[in-house]
Amino acid sequence: MPCVSVIIPTHNRCELLKRAVGSVLCQTFSDWELIIVDDASTDETCEYLNGLDHPQIKSVILEENKGVSHARNRGRELATGKWIALLDSDDEWLKDRLERQLEFAQENPDTPLIHGEEIWIRNGKRVNQKKIHQKTGGRILPRAFHLCLISPSATLMTAKLYDEMGGFREDYPVCEDYEMWLKVCCRYDVGFISEPIIRKYGGHEDQLSSRFRAMDFWRIKALDELYKKHRDFLSVEECKELKEVLLKKALILKQGYLKHNNLENLALIEALVKEYQSECLLQENK
């Protein structure tokens, strides 16, 4: 069995996929298998995958488009490695990505997830991250309430952890990674490589973040489920901050829904605002 199972989900990104695959082939660490899951592409991806002839690469071509979470989970079903390394098809690993993370894992055997710093490329140009986006390791949960701090393409996790978390939520069309990392970070400290290990590309039209509006609905949903299902893993102060962040996000989203006459999820958000206003009031009176 290989040490690492690399999973690339893809949909209609044939040219970008070639770059991602090339960055795996160039790794300084070579004990890996690569599983590419094509989520029912309609471009030349199928022909490209059928033409790949490499003993460490296997591909799956899905007949129905079911989203990135389903594709990743399908890849996990086929994975045989102790470690799972994720790579989105529009991103690229630096050549020592796996080597550096596995060295960290050897020195920190109780750390089930390791991520790393990123080089951001937007519309073909390198951009600097804002301070709020800076990555760290350890107990990052309180910061993770506010925004997604772990990139799937920079993630190496044990297969055991992937299964413990139940894989990625297939009912989340976006923010599925945010939901997953919240559950991981409430249970475990995470490892971190402070030097860049990936190039993360953005600005193209087919990114999920470009196609979905009101993504905070899914972040609020993830925070609500974290509080109601997993708060035993949180400290008193973390519970307090979670409720405050959730309420703030829900109030902002409610205002946006009303402004744009978006009624689809308004009733649910209004109910959450009322619920967490009461929660925060009780918290203040204790």
Protein backbone atom coordinates (compact mmCIF):
# COMPACT_ATOMS: atom_id res chain seq x y z
CA MET A 1 0.00 0.00 0.00
CA PRO A 2 1.23 3.54 -0.72
CA CYS A 3 1.91 5.92 2.13
CA VAL A 4 -0.22 8.72 0.66
CA SER A 5 -3.38 8.66 -1.40
CA VAL A 6 -3.76 11.87 -3.41
CA ILE A 7 -7.34 12.78 -4.39
CA ILE A 8 -8.10 15.27 -7.17
CA PRO A 9 -11.78 15.99 -7.90
CA THR A 10 -12.36 17.74 -11.21
CA HIS A 11 -15.09 19.04 -13.49
CA ASN A 12 -14.50 20.63 -16.89
CA ARG A 13 -10.95 21.75 -16.11
CA CYS A 14 -8.90 19.62 -18.45
CA GLU A 15 -6.03 22.07 -19.00
CA LEU A 16 -5.85 23.07 -15.33
CA LEU A 17 -6.03 19.41 -14.33
CA LYS A 18 -2.89 18.68 -16.36
CA ARG A 19 -1.00 21.26 -14.28
CA ALA A 20 -2.29 19.77 -11.02
CA VAL A 21 -1.35 16.23 -12.06
CA GLY A 22 2.08 17.40 -13.17
CA SER A 23 2.70 18.88 -9.71
CA VAL A 24 2.02 15.48 -8.15
CA LEU A 25 4.32 13.71 -10.59
CA CYS A 26 7.13 16.14 -9.66
CA GLN A 27 6.97 15.48 -5.92
CA THR A 28 10.26 14.73 -4.16
CA PHE A 29 8.35 12.14 -2.11
CA SER A 30 7.35 9.29 -4.39
CA ASP A 31 5.38 6.76 -2.29
CA TRP A 32 1.92 7.88 -3.39
CA GLU A 33 -1.06 6.87 -5.45
CA LEU A 34 -3.11 9.45 -7.35
CA ILE A 35 -6.87 9.07 -7.65
CA ILE A 36 -8.56 11.47 -10.07
CA VAL A 37 -12.35 11.64 -9.86
CA ASP A 38 -13.97 13.27 -12.89
CA ASP A 39 -17.34 14.66 -11.85
CA ALA A 40 -19.10 14.08 -15.21
CA SER A 41 -17.07 16.57 -17.24
CA THR A 42 -18.23 17.51 -20.75
CA ASP A 43 -14.88 18.84 -22.00
CA GLU A 44 -11.81 16.77 -22.98
CA THR A 45 -11.17 15.51 -19.43
CA CYS A 46 -12.39 11.99 -20.18
CA GLU A 47 -10.05 11.64 -23.16
CA TYR A 48 -7.14 12.99 -21.10
CA LEU A 49 -7.77 10.53 -18.27
CA ASN A 50 -8.16 7.59 -20.62
CA GLY A 51 -4.79 8.50 -22.14
CA LEU A 52 -2.93 8.56 -18.84
CA ASP A 53 -0.63 5.57 -18.50
CA HIS A 54 1.10 5.66 -15.13
CA PRO A 55 1.23 2.82 -12.60
CA GLN A 56 0.51 5.17 -9.67
CA ILE A 57 -2.49 6.90 -11.24
CA LYS A 58 -6.05 5.65 -11.38
CA SER A 59 -9.10 7.58 -12.46
CA VAL A 60 -12.85 7.36 -12.03
CA ILE A 61 -15.28 8.95 -14.47
CA LEU A 62 -18.68 9.64 -12.90
CA GLU A 63 -21.75 9.62 -15.11
CA GLU A 64 -23.65 12.19 -13.05
CA ASN A 65 -22.38 15.49 -11.69
CA LYS A 66 -22.81 15.36 -7.91
CA GLY A 67 -20.39 18.00 -6.68
CA VAL A 68 -16.93 18.22 -5.20
CA SER A 69 -17.78 16.55 -1.88
CA HIS A 70 -19.16 13.44 -3.57
CA ALA A 71 -16.10 13.31 -5.83
CA ARG A 72 -13.69 13.55 -2.88
CA ASN A 73 -15.62 10.93 -0.93
CA ARG A 74 -15.61 8.62 -3.95
CA GLY A 75 -11.86 9.04 -4.13
CA ARG A 76 -11.57 8.17 -0.44
CA GLU A 77 -13.46 4.92 -1.06
CA LEU A 78 -10.72 3.89 -3.48
CA ALA A 79 -7.80 5.18 -1.42
CA THR A 80 -5.47 2.67 0.25
CA GLY A 81 -2.89 4.98 1.85
CA LYS A 82 -2.51 5.83 5.52
CA TRP A 83 -2.60 9.51 4.60
CA ILE A 84 -5.02 11.43 2.38
CA ALA A 85 -3.66 14.44 0.49
CA LEU A 86 -6.19 16.69 -1.23
CA LEU A 87 -5.58 18.74 -4.35
CA ASP A 88 -8.16 20.84 -6.21
CA SER A 89 -7.78 20.62 -9.95
CA ASP A 90 -7.14 24.36 -10.34
CA ASP A 91 -4.28 24.43 -7.82
CA GLU A 92 -0.66 23.28 -7.91
CA TRP A 93 1.68 21.73 -5.36
CA LEU A 94 5.24 22.85 -4.85
CA LYS A 95 7.62 19.94 -5.37
CA ASP A 96 8.41 19.27 -1.69
CA ARG A 97 4.82 19.56 -0.44
CA LEU A 98 4.44 15.94 0.64
CA GLU A 99 8.03 15.55 1.85
CA ARG A 100 7.78 18.52 4.22
CA GLN A 101 4.41 17.49 5.64
CA LEU A 102 5.41 13.89 6.20
CA GLU A 103 8.57 15.02 7.99
CA PHE A 104 6.36 17.12 10.26
CA ALA A 105 4.07 14.11 10.78
CA GLN A 106 7.01 11.93 11.79
CA GLU A 107 8.06 14.50 14.38
CA ASN A 108 4.47 15.05 15.58
CA PRO A 109 2.81 11.62 15.49
CA ASP A 110 -0.31 12.73 17.37
CA THR A 111 -1.24 15.39 14.80
CA PRO A 112 -3.79 13.95 12.35
CA LEU A 113 -4.02 16.96 10.02
CA ILE A 114 -1.24 19.14 8.63
CA HIS A 115 -1.69 22.12 6.34
CA GLY A 116 0.66 24.79 5.06
CA GLU A 117 1.25 28.26 3.71
CA GLU A 118 0.08 29.19 0.23
CA ILE A 119 1.18 31.38 -2.67
CA TRP A 120 -1.90 33.16 -3.97
CA ILE A 121 -2.29 33.78 -7.69
CA ARG A 122 -5.25 35.88 -8.85
CA ASN A 123 -5.88 36.42 -12.55
CA GLY A 124 -2.31 35.40 -13.29
CA LYS A 125 -0.64 37.71 -10.75
CA ARG A 126 0.72 36.96 -7.31
CA VAL A 127 -1.15 38.75 -4.53
CA ASN A 128 -0.37 39.14 -0.85
CA GLN A 129 -2.67 37.69 1.77
CA LYS A 130 -4.28 40.04 4.25
CA LYS A 131 -3.42 39.58 7.90
CA ILE A 132 -6.83 38.03 8.60
CA HIS A 133 -6.05 35.21 6.15
CA GLN A 134 -2.67 34.28 7.66
CA LYS A 135 -2.47 30.59 8.47
CA THR A 136 -1.27 29.05 11.73
CA GLY A 137 -1.22 25.74 13.56
CA GLY A 138 -2.28 24.52 16.99
CA ARG A 139 -5.72 25.26 18.42
CA ILE A 140 -7.02 27.45 15.61
CA LEU A 141 -10.73 26.88 16.27
CA PRO A 142 -11.65 30.38 17.56
CA ARG A 143 -10.15 31.99 14.44
CA ALA A 144 -11.80 29.36 12.25
CA PHE A 145 -15.24 30.54 13.38
CA HIS A 146 -14.72 33.70 11.35
CA LEU A 147 -13.43 32.29 8.05
CA CYS A 148 -12.00 29.18 6.42
CA LEU A 149 -8.33 28.96 7.44
CA ILE A 150 -7.35 25.68 5.78
CA SER A 151 -7.10 25.13 2.05
CA PRO A 152 -8.04 21.64 0.83
CA SER A 153 -5.11 21.70 -1.60
CA ALA A 154 -2.68 22.23 1.31
CA THR A 155 -4.18 19.50 3.49
CA LEU A 156 -2.66 16.19 4.51
CA MET A 157 -4.80 14.17 6.92
CA THR A 158 -4.85 10.61 8.12
CA ALA A 159 -7.36 8.33 6.42
CA LYS A 160 -8.58 7.55 9.93
CA LEU A 161 -9.42 11.22 10.52
CA TYR A 162 -11.20 11.51 7.18
CA ASP A 163 -13.41 8.59 8.14
CA GLU A 164 -13.92 9.84 11.69
CA MET A 165 -15.33 13.10 10.30
CA GLY A 166 -17.64 11.20 7.96
CA GLY A 167 -16.02 12.65 4.85
CA PHE A 168 -17.15 15.90 3.25
CA ARG A 169 -20.81 16.86 3.54
CA GLU A 170 -22.45 16.17 0.20
CA ASP A 171 -25.50 18.29 1.10
CA TYR A 172 -23.30 21.40 1.24
CA PRO A 173 -22.96 22.87 -2.28
CA VAL A 174 -20.30 25.27 -0.95
CA CYS A 175 -18.34 25.71 2.31
CA GLU A 176 -18.06 21.94 2.67
CA ASP A 177 -14.40 22.40 3.59
CA TYR A 178 -15.26 25.05 6.23
CA GLU A 179 -17.73 22.60 7.80
CA MET A 180 -15.16 19.79 7.79
CA TRP A 181 -12.37 21.88 9.31
CA LEU A 182 -14.62 23.14 12.11
CA LYS A 183 -15.27 19.55 13.17
CA VAL A 184 -11.57 18.68 12.97
CA CYS A 185 -10.36 21.78 14.78
CA CYS A 186 -12.75 21.39 17.70
CA ARG A 187 -11.20 17.97 18.39
CA TYR A 188 -7.55 18.33 17.43
CA ASP A 189 -4.67 20.74 17.16
CA VAL A 190 -3.52 21.03 13.56
CA GLY A 191 -0.01 21.00 12.19
CA PHE A 192 1.29 23.79 10.00
CA ILE A 193 4.18 24.29 7.57
CA SER A 194 5.03 27.99 7.66
CA GLU A 195 6.68 28.10 4.22
CA PRO A 196 4.56 27.91 1.05
CA ILE A 197 3.76 24.40 -0.12
CA ILE A 198 1.14 25.15 -2.82
CA ARG A 199 0.17 27.71 -5.42
CA LYS A 200 -3.51 28.53 -5.03
CA TYR A 201 -5.12 30.02 -8.11
CA GLY A 202 -8.21 32.22 -8.13
CA GLY A 203 -10.20 34.62 -10.21
CA HIS A 204 -11.65 32.16 -12.72
CA GLU A 205 -15.39 32.04 -13.32
CA ASP A 206 -16.00 28.39 -12.46
CA GLN A 207 -14.88 28.71 -8.84
CA LEU A 208 -17.65 27.81 -6.41
CA SER A 209 -17.06 31.06 -4.54
CA SER A 210 -17.77 32.95 -7.76
CA ARG A 211 -20.96 31.05 -8.58
CA PHE A 212 -22.74 31.10 -5.22
CA ARG A 213 -24.20 34.12 -3.49
CA ALA A 214 -24.82 34.38 0.26
CA MET A 215 -22.19 31.77 1.11
CA ASP A 216 -22.51 32.86 4.72
CA PHE A 217 -25.77 30.88 4.85
CA TRP A 218 -23.70 27.69 4.70
CA ARG A 219 -21.13 29.01 7.16
CA ILE A 220 -23.93 29.87 9.59
CA LYS A 221 -25.42 26.42 9.09
CA ALA A 222 -22.03 24.84 9.85
CA LEU A 223 -21.57 26.96 12.99
CA ASP A 224 -25.08 26.14 14.19
CA GLU A 225 -24.46 22.41 13.76
CA LEU A 226 -21.09 22.71 15.48
CA TYR A 227 -22.73 24.31 18.52
CA LYS A 228 -25.66 21.90 18.68
CA LYS A 229 -23.82 18.65 17.91
CA HIS A 230 -20.19 19.12 18.90
CA ARG A 231 -20.01 21.74 21.65
CA ASP A 232 -18.78 19.19 24.18
CA PHE A 233 -15.40 19.59 22.46
CA LEU A 234 -15.42 23.38 23.00
CA SER A 235 -14.32 25.37 26.02
CA VAL A 236 -16.72 27.77 27.73
CA GLU A 237 -14.99 30.72 26.07
CA GLU A 238 -15.09 29.05 22.65
CA CYS A 239 -18.83 28.40 23.01
CA LYS A 240 -19.33 32.04 23.92
CA GLU A 241 -17.38 33.28 20.91
CA LEU A 242 -19.08 30.81 18.57
CA LYS A 243 -22.53 32.09 19.54
CA GLU A 244 -21.46 35.70 19.15
CA VAL A 245 -19.91 35.10 15.72
CA LEU A 246 -22.94 33.13 14.55
CA LEU A 247 -25.35 35.85 15.69
CA LYS A 248 -23.31 38.57 14.01
CA LYS A 249 -23.16 36.65 10.71
CA ALA A 250 -26.89 35.85 10.87
CA LEU A 251 -27.85 39.50 11.47
CA ILE A 252 -25.74 40.65 8.51
CA LEU A 253 -27.19 37.93 6.28
CA LYS A 254 -30.74 38.79 7.36
CA GLN A 255 -30.18 42.42 6.37
CA GLY A 256 -28.84 41.29 3.00
CA TYR A 257 -31.81 39.01 2.40
CA LEU A 258 -34.25 41.82 3.19
CA LYS A 259 -32.38 44.33 1.06
CA HIS A 260 -32.39 42.06 -2.00
CA ASN A 261 -35.84 40.53 -1.31
CA ASN A 262 -34.25 37.08 -1.05
CA LEU A 263 -36.88 35.07 0.78
CA GLU A 264 -35.64 31.52 0.21
CA ASN A 265 -33.87 31.08 3.55
CA LEU A 266 -35.05 34.24 5.32
CA ALA A 267 -37.36 32.46 7.77
CA LEU A 268 -34.59 30.08 8.84
CA ILE A 269 -32.10 32.91 9.37
CA GLU A 270 -34.68 34.95 11.31
CA ALA A 271 -35.28 31.94 13.57
CA LEU A 272 -31.54 31.55 14.18
CA VAL A 273 -31.20 35.27 14.96
CA LYS A 274 -33.95 34.98 17.56
CA GLU A 275 -32.49 31.78 19.01
CA TYR A 276 -28.95 33.08 19.37
CA GLN A 277 -30.06 36.46 20.66
CA SER A 278 -31.67 34.52 23.50
CA GLU A 279 -28.56 32.36 23.91
CA CYS A 280 -26.29 35.41 24.11
CA LEU A 281 -28.65 37.15 26.55
CA LEU A 282 -28.66 34.12 28.84
CA GLN A 283 -24.91 34.03 28.58
CA GLU A 284 -24.61 37.66 29.71
CA ASN A 285 -26.92 37.07 32.68
CA LYS A 286 -24.94 34.13 34.05
